[in-house]
Amino acid sequence: MNAPAPAIDVDSPAEGTAPSTARITHWLLGGERHHQPADRRLGIRVLNAAPWTEAALEINRHYAHQTVEMLRGCGITQFVDLGSGLPTPNPRFPFV
């Protein structure tokens, strides 16, 4: 039987901000703003545990971009990006 993973305490009282998946994703995709030290520390831990994470995020962005382009080619011109998080470098939908 596996023991439960220990809790990750990446928040410090001085920072006052818990890690956010949106900010961590933004940082992993090369964003230079909007993230906190706690986000970077947890992002580094994620990369250490799963080095393929950055590639997976890029593949996901590429797939989303291709999907939007295909739908636009079918005449769909309005989209709702739910859960879009923070603005990222090279946004996938600047035209939508």
Protein backbone atom coordinates (compact mmCIF):
# COMPACT_ATOMS: atom_id res chain seq x y z
CA MET A 1 0.00 0.00 0.00
CA ASN A 2 1.37 3.40 -0.97
CA ALA A 3 1.62 6.11 1.63
CA PRO A 4 -0.18 9.35 0.75
CA ALA A 5 1.99 12.05 -0.72
CA PRO A 6 3.00 14.72 1.78
CA ALA A 7 1.27 18.07 1.50
CA ILE A 8 3.23 20.60 -0.52
CA ASP A 9 3.61 23.83 1.39
CA VAL A 10 4.77 26.31 -1.19
CA ASP A 11 3.06 29.31 0.36
CA SER A 12 4.84 31.47 2.85
CA PRO A 13 3.19 34.06 5.10
CA ALA A 14 5.41 36.77 3.61
CA GLU A 15 4.01 36.15 0.13
CA GLY A 16 0.39 35.76 1.16
CA THR A 17 -0.53 34.02 -2.10
CA ALA A 18 -1.21 30.34 -2.61
CA PRO A 19 -0.17 28.78 -5.93
CA SER A 20 -2.69 29.06 -8.76
CA THR A 21 -2.99 26.62 -11.66
CA ALA A 22 -3.67 29.52 -14.04
CA ARG A 23 -0.53 31.37 -12.96
CA ILE A 24 1.59 28.19 -12.98
CA THR A 25 0.41 27.38 -16.51
CA HIS A 26 1.15 30.96 -17.55
CA TRP A 27 4.66 30.66 -16.15
CA LEU A 28 5.25 27.25 -17.76
CA LEU A 29 4.22 28.70 -21.14
CA GLY A 30 6.84 31.41 -20.84
CA GLY A 31 4.84 34.20 -19.24
CA GLU A 32 6.89 36.79 -17.45
CA ARG A 33 4.11 38.55 -15.52
CA HIS A 34 1.20 37.62 -13.28
CA HIS A 35 2.88 34.76 -11.37
CA GLN A 36 4.10 34.67 -7.79
CA PRO A 37 7.15 32.98 -6.24
CA ALA A 38 4.88 30.21 -4.91
CA ASP A 39 3.72 29.55 -8.50
CA ARG A 40 7.29 29.27 -9.78
CA ARG A 41 8.32 26.95 -6.93
CA LEU A 42 5.39 24.61 -7.53
CA GLY A 43 5.96 24.83 -11.30
CA ILE A 44 9.56 23.73 -10.80
CA ARG A 45 8.37 20.80 -8.68
CA VAL A 46 5.90 19.83 -11.41
CA LEU A 47 8.69 19.95 -14.02
CA ASN A 48 10.96 17.86 -11.81
CA ALA A 49 8.24 15.24 -11.39
CA ALA A 50 6.94 15.39 -14.97
CA PRO A 51 9.47 17.01 -17.34
CA TRP A 52 7.08 16.57 -20.27
CA THR A 53 4.60 19.08 -18.79
CA GLU A 54 5.77 22.05 -20.90
CA ALA A 55 5.53 20.00 -24.09
CA ALA A 56 2.04 18.80 -23.12
CA LEU A 57 0.88 22.37 -22.54
CA GLU A 58 2.26 23.46 -25.92
CA ILE A 59 0.60 20.49 -27.66
CA ASN A 60 -2.69 21.40 -25.97
CA ARG A 61 -2.41 25.02 -27.15
CA HIS A 62 -1.58 23.89 -30.69
CA TYR A 63 -4.57 21.52 -30.73
CA ALA A 64 -6.90 24.27 -29.48
CA HIS A 65 -5.59 26.64 -32.16
CA GLN A 66 -6.12 24.03 -34.90
CA THR A 67 -9.63 23.32 -33.62
CA VAL A 68 -10.58 27.00 -33.70
CA GLU A 69 -9.17 27.36 -37.21
CA MET A 70 -11.14 24.32 -38.41
CA LEU A 71 -14.36 25.64 -36.86
CA ARG A 72 -13.77 29.07 -38.40
CA GLY A 73 -13.37 27.34 -41.75
CA CYS A 74 -16.82 25.81 -41.19
CA GLY A 75 -18.32 29.27 -40.68
CA ILE A 76 -18.38 29.42 -36.88
CA THR A 77 -17.28 32.89 -35.86
CA GLN A 78 -18.15 33.16 -32.17
CA PHE A 79 -16.41 31.26 -29.38
CA VAL A 80 -16.52 31.23 -25.60
CA ASP A 81 -13.25 30.22 -23.98
CA LEU A 82 -14.34 29.05 -20.53
CA GLY A 83 -11.67 28.78 -17.92
CA SER A 84 -9.18 30.62 -20.08
CA GLY A 85 -7.04 31.70 -17.13
CA LEU A 86 -4.53 34.50 -17.56
CA PRO A 87 -3.38 36.08 -20.80
CA THR A 88 -0.49 33.98 -22.12
CA PRO A 89 2.34 34.73 -24.50
CA ASN A 90 1.21 34.18 -28.10
CA PRO A 91 -2.50 33.89 -27.32
CA ARG A 92 -4.32 31.30 -29.40
CA PHE A 93 -7.46 33.35 -30.04
CA PRO A 94 -6.44 36.96 -30.68
CA PHE A 95 -8.81 37.06 -33.65
CA VAL A 96 -11.88 35.56 -31.96
